[in-house]
Amino acid sequence: MHSLHRTILPCVAVLMLSTSDTAVAGEYGTAEEARAMLDKVVAAMEADPAKALAIFTSGEGGFRDRDLYPYCVGPDGKFSAHPTLVGTDAIGLVDKAGQPIGQKIMTVSKSGEVSEVEYVWNRPGETTPTNKVAYATKIGEQTCAVGYYK
């Protein structure tokens, strides 16, 4: 075997492995990406709450990324931003394991702090429940969160 082949073939194999690992890893949002999106949510809410809630629901402006999306609950306990649940009761929401997550998210969220709430939910477009962690905070009268699936 030529020395060039001995050098190139291992490099090609490493490149192929690296590329396939990256594709799999990028299929779903990560904890870091969810936290970064929540930081963008806070900034958008502080700039213009009404506009922010509308773009969170539509997913525009980078607020829908694979299985990551923000959702907010107003002082009336109803979703004010969510891809599909706007106007529905959030406080009485239970996860796929029957745990009361809506009330928990509302209770633990504080202005200027980020809390974590674990629950079980379906990824968008899937029917099998998956463990999920939401990063949640209170911004003015709104409680907003971004969750990632474990």
Foldseek 3Di string as FASTA:
>chain_A
DDPVCVVVVVVVVVVVVVVVVVVVVQQFDDPVRQVVLVVVLLVVCVVPVVVSQVCLQVCPPVQDGNQKGKWKAFLVQATSHDPPGGPDHQQQDAAPVRHRPSVVLVVPAEAPDWDKDWGWHAGVPDDDIFIKIWTWHDHVRMIMIIMTTD
